[in-house]
Amino acid sequence: MKKLKQLIMMHIGIVLLAMGVYFFKIPNGFSTGGVTGIGTILAAISPISATLWIWILNIGLLILGFIFLGKETGAKTVYCSMAYSILMIIFEKIIPLTQPLSNQPFLELFYAMLLTSVGSAFIFNSEASSGGTDIAALILKKFTSIDVGKALLCVDFIVASSAFFVFGIETGLFSFLGLFAKAFIVDAVIENLNTCKYFVVITSKGEEISKYIMEIIHHGVTAHKVVGEYTGEERMMLHTVCKRMEAVRLRSEIKKIDPHAFTIITTSSEIIGRGFRSV
């Protein structure tokens, strides 16, 4: 089920990314970095379309990735990169665009960043990548002292700066705004997708609650005996983590089993271990 969910999420991400780039970024000349930005700029100064440039650049970077990084590029990255490029070429054939969908550039930028950021976040959360400049950054990291984050920022900054010379000051400013907005949106979406709940339950009915967690929700429980200093009474303290939707059920069941249970619920987006993230 986990693999199926990842597969579905990955394909939704590919579609959203392709839609954001083809319908909003390319027609407006928004060059917010990456292969998409490079393809948009090259299309403006050559007879080759942006979608074809993106496909050519992705293939070139994937080949370089296999040469310099070997298997680190990953099958998922190859698939996502090609599927994303081919989907945009299909959009170009079926729904050709010669101008932006509206005359509101800020609205167009909003949807360009929203769709591409959410799409990228879905792909990253599926333990995949759309390739592109991610591969270039990994190659730089391997042969220089520059880390991936700084390498990507340098590449994206250069691409966004190019928009000033190719498309004008207004489009250049929009491109810079989109570059910074995307970083925040991607992080926010990934954090929201990975949100889990950490439960600490102090109860006199520890066995019943533990049984529900293990048999119904299918998560582990850590339990130990505790003594209340004020009352001197002995209770069980249970520790468990679960997904956000499971947390609603668990909270309701705890209240049903033991109305007097003392429950602490905190939010976390970084839980690593069996049943959650592996890395």
Protein backbone atom coordinates (compact mmCIF):
# COMPACT_ATOMS: atom_id res chain seq x y z
CA MET A 1 0.00 0.00 0.00
CA LYS A 2 2.85 2.36 0.82
CA LYS A 3 4.45 1.77 -2.60
CA LEU A 4 1.09 2.24 -4.33
CA LYS A 5 0.52 5.55 -2.50
CA GLN A 6 4.01 6.70 -3.47
CA LEU A 7 3.36 5.75 -7.11
CA ILE A 8 0.04 7.65 -7.19
CA MET A 9 1.58 10.67 -5.47
CA MET A 10 4.54 10.64 -7.88
CA HIS A 11 2.27 10.67 -10.95
CA ILE A 12 0.05 13.43 -9.52
CA GLY A 13 3.25 15.40 -8.90
CA ILE A 14 4.41 14.90 -12.50
CA VAL A 15 1.06 16.13 -13.89
CA LEU A 16 0.96 19.19 -11.59
CA LEU A 17 4.56 20.08 -12.41
CA ALA A 18 3.98 19.78 -16.17
CA MET A 19 0.77 21.85 -15.98
CA GLY A 20 2.41 24.61 -13.96
CA VAL A 21 5.36 24.84 -16.32
CA TYR A 22 3.49 24.58 -19.65
CA PHE A 23 0.36 26.64 -18.90
CA PHE A 24 1.84 29.34 -16.67
CA LYS A 25 5.65 29.53 -16.58
CA ILE A 26 6.57 29.18 -20.25
CA PRO A 27 3.91 31.57 -21.74
CA ASN A 28 4.91 34.31 -19.28
CA GLY A 29 8.66 33.76 -19.48
CA PHE A 30 8.94 33.10 -15.75
CA SER A 31 12.46 31.72 -15.33
CA THR A 32 12.69 30.67 -11.71
CA GLY A 33 15.67 28.40 -12.16
CA GLY A 34 16.28 24.79 -13.10
CA VAL A 35 15.96 23.16 -16.50
CA THR A 36 12.53 24.75 -16.95
CA GLY A 37 13.98 28.24 -16.61
CA ILE A 38 16.89 27.45 -18.94
CA GLY A 39 14.50 25.95 -21.51
CA THR A 40 12.22 29.01 -21.33
CA ILE A 41 15.14 31.37 -21.94
CA LEU A 42 16.66 29.28 -24.76
CA ALA A 43 13.25 29.10 -26.49
CA ALA A 44 13.09 32.89 -26.54
CA ILE A 45 16.41 33.18 -28.37
CA SER A 46 16.13 30.13 -30.67
CA PRO A 47 13.57 28.51 -33.02
CA ILE A 48 13.25 25.44 -30.75
CA SER A 49 10.26 25.33 -28.37
CA ALA A 50 10.71 25.43 -24.58
CA THR A 51 9.19 21.96 -24.12
CA LEU A 52 11.68 20.45 -26.58
CA TRP A 53 14.58 22.29 -24.94
CA ILE A 54 13.53 20.94 -21.53
CA TRP A 55 13.41 17.40 -22.92
CA ILE A 56 16.88 17.76 -24.56
CA LEU A 57 18.40 19.26 -21.40
CA ASN A 58 16.91 16.58 -19.17
CA ILE A 59 18.29 13.79 -21.40
CA GLY A 60 21.71 15.46 -21.43
CA LEU A 61 21.78 15.83 -17.64
CA LEU A 62 20.61 12.24 -17.11
CA ILE A 63 23.44 10.98 -19.35
CA LEU A 64 25.94 13.08 -17.37
CA GLY A 65 24.38 11.74 -14.18
CA PHE A 66 24.93 8.14 -15.24
CA ILE A 67 28.52 8.94 -16.30
CA PHE A 68 29.57 10.82 -13.16
CA LEU A 69 27.15 9.53 -10.51
CA GLY A 70 26.33 6.01 -11.68
CA LYS A 71 23.26 4.46 -10.10
CA GLU A 72 22.76 7.46 -7.79
CA THR A 73 20.57 9.06 -10.45
CA GLY A 74 17.98 6.34 -9.77
CA ALA A 75 15.30 4.74 -11.91
CA LYS A 76 12.59 6.96 -10.43
CA THR A 77 14.50 10.11 -11.40
CA VAL A 78 14.87 8.88 -14.98
CA TYR A 79 11.18 8.00 -15.17
CA CYS A 80 9.95 11.28 -13.64
CA SER A 81 12.25 13.38 -15.80
CA MET A 82 11.17 11.71 -19.04
CA ALA A 83 7.47 11.50 -18.12
CA TYR A 84 7.41 15.20 -17.19
CA SER A 85 9.15 16.24 -20.44
CA ILE A 86 6.96 14.01 -22.65
CA LEU A 87 3.77 15.21 -20.93
CA MET A 88 4.63 18.82 -21.79
CA ILE A 89 5.28 17.89 -25.41
CA ILE A 90 1.82 16.25 -25.47
CA PHE A 91 0.30 19.44 -23.99
CA GLU A 92 2.05 21.44 -26.72
CA LYS A 93 0.53 19.27 -29.46
CA ILE A 94 -2.99 19.09 -28.00
CA ILE A 95 -3.31 22.59 -26.47
CA PRO A 96 -0.90 24.94 -28.28
CA LEU A 97 -0.40 28.28 -26.49
CA THR A 98 0.83 31.47 -28.15
CA GLN A 99 0.17 33.80 -25.20
CA PRO A 100 -0.57 33.67 -21.45
CA LEU A 101 -3.98 32.43 -20.32
CA SER A 102 -4.81 35.81 -18.74
CA ASN A 103 -3.55 39.40 -18.66
CA GLN A 104 -2.81 39.19 -14.92
CA PRO A 105 0.91 38.32 -14.51
CA PHE A 106 0.74 38.12 -10.71
CA LEU A 107 -2.16 35.64 -10.92
CA GLU A 108 -0.23 33.63 -13.51
CA LEU A 109 2.86 33.62 -11.25
CA PHE A 110 0.74 32.45 -8.30
CA TYR A 111 -0.53 29.39 -10.20
CA ALA A 112 2.88 28.76 -11.76
CA MET A 113 4.51 28.57 -8.33
CA LEU A 114 1.62 26.75 -6.64
CA LEU A 115 1.37 23.94 -9.22
CA THR A 116 5.11 23.43 -9.71
CA SER A 117 5.90 23.64 -5.98
CA VAL A 118 3.17 21.20 -4.94
CA GLY A 119 4.11 18.91 -7.86
CA SER A 120 7.80 18.96 -6.89
CA ALA A 121 6.91 18.33 -3.24
CA PHE A 122 4.79 15.30 -4.20
CA ILE A 123 7.65 13.92 -6.29
CA PHE A 124 10.25 14.52 -3.55
CA ASN A 125 7.94 12.96 -0.96
CA SER A 126 7.71 9.85 -3.18
CA GLU A 127 11.50 9.49 -2.80
CA ALA A 128 12.02 10.60 -6.40
CA SER A 129 13.23 13.67 -8.28
CA SER A 130 12.36 15.35 -11.57
CA GLY A 131 16.06 15.36 -12.43
CA GLY A 132 17.28 18.51 -14.14
CA THR A 133 19.66 20.78 -12.22
CA ASP A 134 19.43 18.48 -9.18
CA ILE A 135 21.80 16.20 -11.11
CA ALA A 136 24.12 19.11 -11.99
CA ALA A 137 24.25 20.06 -8.31
CA LEU A 138 25.13 16.49 -7.30
CA ILE A 139 27.95 16.43 -9.88
CA LEU A 140 29.29 19.75 -8.51
CA LYS A 141 29.14 18.37 -5.00
CA LYS A 142 31.09 15.27 -6.01
CA PHE A 143 33.98 17.16 -7.62
CA THR A 144 34.03 20.40 -5.59
CA SER A 145 33.53 21.52 -1.99
CA ILE A 146 30.19 23.20 -2.81
CA ASP A 147 27.18 21.57 -1.12
CA VAL A 148 23.99 20.70 -3.02
CA GLY A 149 21.89 23.53 -1.60
CA LYS A 150 24.41 26.24 -2.52
CA ALA A 151 25.02 24.72 -5.96
CA LEU A 152 21.28 24.69 -6.74
CA LEU A 153 20.88 28.25 -5.46
CA CYS A 154 23.77 29.43 -7.67
CA VAL A 155 22.34 27.77 -10.79
CA ASP A 156 18.80 29.03 -10.12
CA PHE A 157 20.07 32.57 -9.39
CA ILE A 158 21.95 32.72 -12.70
CA VAL A 159 18.91 31.42 -14.63
CA ALA A 160 16.52 33.86 -12.93
CA SER A 161 18.94 36.75 -13.57
CA SER A 162 18.97 35.88 -17.28
CA ALA A 163 15.24 36.66 -17.45
CA PHE A 164 16.06 40.39 -17.01
CA PHE A 165 18.09 40.42 -20.25
CA VAL A 166 15.81 38.14 -22.31
CA PHE A 167 12.28 39.12 -21.18
CA GLY A 168 12.71 42.51 -19.49
CA ILE A 169 12.76 43.97 -15.99
CA GLU A 170 9.15 43.12 -15.06
CA THR A 171 9.45 39.43 -15.98
CA GLY A 172 12.86 39.30 -14.30
CA LEU A 173 11.40 40.64 -11.06
CA PHE A 174 8.55 38.14 -11.24
CA SER A 175 11.10 35.36 -11.82
CA PHE A 176 13.04 36.33 -8.69
CA LEU A 177 9.84 36.49 -6.68
CA GLY A 178 8.88 33.02 -7.93
CA LEU A 179 12.35 31.64 -7.14
CA PHE A 180 12.09 32.61 -3.46
CA ALA A 181 8.40 31.67 -3.17
CA LYS A 182 8.99 28.17 -4.51
CA ALA A 183 11.57 27.36 -1.83
CA PHE A 184 9.09 28.18 0.95
CA ILE A 185 6.11 26.45 -0.69
CA VAL A 186 7.97 23.18 -1.39
CA ASP A 187 9.21 22.98 2.21
CA ALA A 188 5.74 23.78 3.59
CA VAL A 189 3.99 21.16 1.43
CA ILE A 190 6.53 18.42 2.24
CA GLU A 191 6.27 19.22 5.95
CA ASN A 192 2.47 19.10 5.77
CA LEU A 193 2.50 15.77 3.87
CA ASN A 194 4.78 14.23 6.50
CA THR A 195 2.93 15.58 9.52
CA CYS A 196 2.50 12.96 12.23
CA LYS A 197 1.22 13.03 15.81
CA TYR A 198 3.15 11.96 18.88
CA PHE A 199 0.97 10.73 21.74
CA VAL A 200 1.91 10.51 25.41
CA VAL A 201 -0.96 8.92 27.35
CA ILE A 202 -1.06 8.50 31.13
CA THR A 203 -3.86 6.07 31.94
CA SER A 204 -5.11 3.36 34.27
CA LYS A 205 -6.22 1.30 31.24
CA GLY A 206 -2.93 0.98 29.44
CA GLU A 207 -3.47 -2.57 28.20
CA GLU A 208 -6.77 -1.75 26.47
CA ILE A 209 -5.39 1.36 24.78
CA SER A 210 -2.17 -0.45 23.75
CA LYS A 211 -4.23 -3.27 22.25
CA TYR A 212 -6.25 -0.80 20.17
CA ILE A 213 -3.10 0.94 18.91
CA MET A 214 -1.35 -2.30 17.93
CA GLU A 215 -4.32 -4.27 16.54
CA ILE A 216 -6.46 -1.55 14.94
CA ILE A 217 -4.08 1.28 14.00
CA HIS A 218 -1.12 -1.08 13.59
CA HIS A 219 1.55 1.01 15.29
CA GLY A 220 3.93 0.15 18.07
CA VAL A 221 3.62 1.32 21.67
CA THR A 222 6.26 1.97 24.31
CA ALA A 223 4.91 1.63 27.85
CA HIS A 224 6.26 2.05 31.37
CA LYS A 225 4.86 2.50 34.85
CA VAL A 226 4.72 5.96 36.39
CA VAL A 227 3.64 7.33 39.77
CA GLY A 228 1.85 10.63 40.27
CA GLU A 229 3.67 12.63 42.94
CA TYR A 230 0.50 14.44 43.97
CA THR A 231 -1.82 11.41 44.32
CA GLY A 232 0.77 8.67 44.77
CA GLU A 233 -1.24 6.51 42.35
CA GLU A 234 0.43 4.22 39.82
CA ARG A 235 -0.47 4.60 36.13
CA MET A 236 0.83 3.47 32.72
CA MET A 237 2.52 5.95 30.43
CA LEU A 238 2.16 5.07 26.73
CA HIS A 239 4.19 6.54 23.87
CA THR A 240 3.16 6.14 20.23
CA VAL A 241 3.20 7.99 16.92
CA CYS A 242 0.67 7.85 14.08
CA LYS A 243 -0.46 9.63 10.94
CA ARG A 244 -2.64 12.72 11.19
CA MET A 245 -5.86 10.95 10.15
CA GLU A 246 -5.16 8.07 12.54
CA ALA A 247 -4.65 10.55 15.36
CA VAL A 248 -8.30 11.64 15.21
CA ARG A 249 -9.47 8.04 15.68
CA LEU A 250 -6.94 7.35 18.42
CA ARG A 251 -7.85 10.46 20.40
CA SER A 252 -11.54 9.52 20.24
CA GLU A 253 -10.84 5.92 21.30
CA ILE A 254 -8.66 6.97 24.24
CA LYS A 255 -11.47 9.17 25.51
CA LYS A 256 -13.92 6.28 25.11
CA ILE A 257 -11.72 3.70 26.90
CA ASP A 258 -10.53 6.00 29.67
CA PRO A 259 -12.31 9.37 30.03
CA HIS A 260 -9.86 10.34 32.79
CA ALA A 261 -6.69 9.66 30.73
CA PHE A 262 -4.16 12.49 30.59
CA THR A 263 -3.13 12.83 26.93
CA ILE A 264 -0.41 15.01 25.39
CA ILE A 265 -0.44 15.30 21.58
CA THR A 266 2.36 17.03 19.69
CA THR A 267 3.01 17.49 15.97
CA SER A 268 6.11 16.24 14.16
CA SER A 269 7.15 16.07 10.50
CA GLU A 270 10.36 14.13 11.09
CA ILE A 271 9.65 10.60 12.30
CA ILE A 272 12.13 8.03 11.02
CA GLY A 273 11.65 4.32 11.57
CA ARG A 274 9.48 1.34 10.75
CA GLY A 275 6.07 2.37 9.44
CA PHE A 276 7.27 5.92 8.70
CA ARG A 277 10.18 7.42 6.77
CA SER A 278 13.23 5.24 6.19
CA VAL A 279 15.69 8.11 5.77
